[in-house]
């Protein structure tokens, strides 16, 4: 068998060599080897790796994550009623209801969540009820290494704080 070893550089060179060189079949009767051209690369093996997973690598993708809900407390709102929804709040898929007197923390399955917080606001015509709404997708994150994919539990912050500047009277 005729073996041709080439060091591949640009693809133009490879095209030139393969179109100009021909590989002839061996016609000797006692030759039991394969026939044809072989093109090999001088690049190092792709199996070499310098980026291995850390010792604390979690190789199982977490199904749950952390949801932190930020609220505003003031004189009119020492406690803030909230509703957490699966998906957009408009669809009404209630996951839980709670009343918070500080920011809330929950552990929920991965997915999209929204929160609606209810506040009292003092306007010139009296006290009115307003809502603050936010939503985000809770999902784990991952980093790929040569020997493993490592997962980290997701965490989202839902901002249900009251922006009182929206109600300032000129």
Foldseek 3Di string as FASTA:
>chain_A
DDEDEDADDDVVVVVVCVVPDFWDDDPDPPDPDDTDYDYDYPDDDPLDFDWDDDPPFDQDFDFKAKEKEAEDDDPQPQKKKKWKAFPDCVVVRTPDIDIDNGIDMDIGTWGKMKMKIWTWDQAPVGIDIDIFMFIDTFGWDWDDGSVGIGIDGGYDYTYRYDDCVVRDDD
